[in-house]
Amino acid sequence: MQYQVTVNYGMDSMARYSDRPFTAGQLRADRDLRTGLGYGDNTKFTLHGVELADDTQIPHGATVVAET
């Protein structure tokens, strides 16, 4: 199965695809996302308004929000 997660930051968004589920920590460390969306080190990720711990698996098809 191909897992897909969309990350929103401000007005921009990017989708990521993988053979395994993503964690919030993986998204936070993803250089392509950081460069493409422009967020830095001090970023948290939320799903439906709830902050995600770095080891939280993100469900397939979810849209998470990067916040600074």
C-alpha atoms as a PDB file:
ATOM      1  CA  MET A   1       0.000   0.000   0.000  1.00  0.00           C
ATOM      2  CA  GLN A   2       1.209   3.506  -0.810  1.00  0.00           C
ATOM      3  CA  TYR A   3       0.693   5.923   2.117  1.00  0.00           C
ATOM      4  CA  GLN A   4      -0.058   9.573   1.358  1.00  0.00           C
ATOM      5  CA  VAL A   5       0.028  12.544   3.723  1.00  0.00           C
ATOM      6  CA  THR A   6      -0.463  16.218   2.878  1.00  0.00           C
ATOM      7  CA  VAL A   7       1.301  18.923   4.885  1.00  0.00           C
ATOM      8  CA  ASN A   8      -0.119  22.470   4.960  1.00  0.00           C
ATOM      9  CA  TYR A   9       1.991  25.437   6.005  1.00  0.00           C
ATOM     10  CA  GLY A  10       0.499  28.873   5.544  1.00  0.00           C
ATOM     11  CA  MET A  11      -1.051  29.012   2.078  1.00  0.00           C
ATOM     12  CA  ASP A  12       1.147  26.218   0.668  1.00  0.00           C
ATOM     13  CA  SER A  13       0.876  22.454   0.821  1.00  0.00           C
ATOM     14  CA  MET A  14       2.883  19.433  -0.284  1.00  0.00           C
ATOM     15  CA  ALA A  15       2.030  15.742  -0.450  1.00  0.00           C
ATOM     16  CA  ARG A  16       4.410  12.973   0.631  1.00  0.00           C
ATOM     17  CA  TYR A  17       4.187   9.312  -0.378  1.00  0.00           C
ATOM     18  CA  SER A  18       5.760   6.240   1.239  1.00  0.00           C
ATOM     19  CA  ASP A  19       5.424   2.469   1.525  1.00  0.00           C
ATOM     20  CA  ARG A  20       5.182   2.850   5.330  1.00  0.00           C
ATOM     21  CA  PRO A  21       3.115   5.144   7.556  1.00  0.00           C
ATOM     22  CA  PHE A  22       4.636   8.526   8.374  1.00  0.00           C
ATOM     23  CA  THR A  23       5.309   9.885  11.856  1.00  0.00           C
ATOM     24  CA  ALA A  24       5.189  13.555  12.782  1.00  0.00           C
ATOM     25  CA  GLY A  25       8.936  13.419  13.512  1.00  0.00           C
ATOM     26  CA  GLN A  26       9.685  12.165  10.003  1.00  0.00           C
ATOM     27  CA  LEU A  27       7.695  15.031   8.501  1.00  0.00           C
ATOM     28  CA  ARG A  28       9.418  17.555  10.776  1.00  0.00           C
ATOM     29  CA  ALA A  29      12.849  16.305   9.611  1.00  0.00           C
ATOM     30  CA  ASP A  30      11.962  15.985   5.898  1.00  0.00           C
ATOM     31  CA  ARG A  31      14.344  18.329   4.048  1.00  0.00           C
ATOM     32  CA  ASP A  32      12.183  18.498   0.922  1.00  0.00           C
ATOM     33  CA  LEU A  33       9.171  19.630   2.966  1.00  0.00           C
ATOM     34  CA  ARG A  34      11.225  22.115   4.978  1.00  0.00           C
ATOM     35  CA  THR A  35      12.696  23.646   1.836  1.00  0.00           C
ATOM     36  CA  GLY A  36       9.498  23.533  -0.220  1.00  0.00           C
ATOM     37  CA  LEU A  37       7.211  24.945   2.449  1.00  0.00           C
ATOM     38  CA  GLY A  38       9.758  27.121   4.234  1.00  0.00           C
ATOM     39  CA  TYR A  39       9.354  26.040   7.863  1.00  0.00           C
ATOM     40  CA  GLY A  40      12.228  25.790  10.341  1.00  0.00           C
ATOM     41  CA  ASP A  41      13.268  23.826  13.408  1.00  0.00           C
ATOM     42  CA  ASN A  42      10.707  25.201  15.852  1.00  0.00           C
ATOM     43  CA  THR A  43       7.642  23.669  14.184  1.00  0.00           C
ATOM     44  CA  LYS A  44       4.788  21.587  15.557  1.00  0.00           C
ATOM     45  CA  PHE A  45       2.355  19.466  13.582  1.00  0.00           C
ATOM     46  CA  THR A  46      -1.354  19.262  14.265  1.00  0.00           C
ATOM     47  CA  LEU A  47      -4.095  16.974  13.026  1.00  0.00           C
ATOM     48  CA  HIS A  48      -7.651  18.274  13.532  1.00  0.00           C
ATOM     49  CA  GLY A  49      -6.226  20.859  15.942  1.00  0.00           C
ATOM     50  CA  VAL A  50      -4.420  18.319  18.150  1.00  0.00           C
ATOM     51  CA  GLU A  51      -0.642  18.600  18.445  1.00  0.00           C
ATOM     52  CA  LEU A  52       1.202  15.443  17.351  1.00  0.00           C
ATOM     53  CA  ALA A  53       4.120  13.902  19.234  1.00  0.00           C
ATOM     54  CA  ASP A  54       7.122  12.970  17.075  1.00  0.00           C
ATOM     55  CA  ASP A  55       6.336   9.239  17.314  1.00  0.00           C
ATOM     56  CA  THR A  56       2.647   9.592  16.375  1.00  0.00           C
ATOM     57  CA  GLN A  57       1.759   7.702  13.187  1.00  0.00           C
ATOM     58  CA  ILE A  58      -0.267   9.781  10.775  1.00  0.00           C
ATOM     59  CA  PRO A  59      -3.196   8.022   9.075  1.00  0.00           C
ATOM     60  CA  HIS A  60      -3.172   7.483   5.301  1.00  0.00           C
ATOM     61  CA  GLY A  61      -4.799  10.373   3.444  1.00  0.00           C
ATOM     62  CA  ALA A  62      -4.560  12.773   6.392  1.00  0.00           C
ATOM     63  CA  THR A  63      -3.777  16.467   6.081  1.00  0.00           C
ATOM     64  CA  VAL A  64      -1.560  17.808   8.852  1.00  0.00           C
ATOM     65  CA  VAL A  65      -0.797  21.448   9.545  1.00  0.00           C
ATOM     66  CA  ALA A  66       2.739  22.678  10.281  1.00  0.00           C
ATOM     67  CA  GLU A  67       2.677  25.569  12.756  1.00  0.00           C
ATOM     68  CA  THR A  68       5.445  27.780  14.098  1.00  0.00           C
END
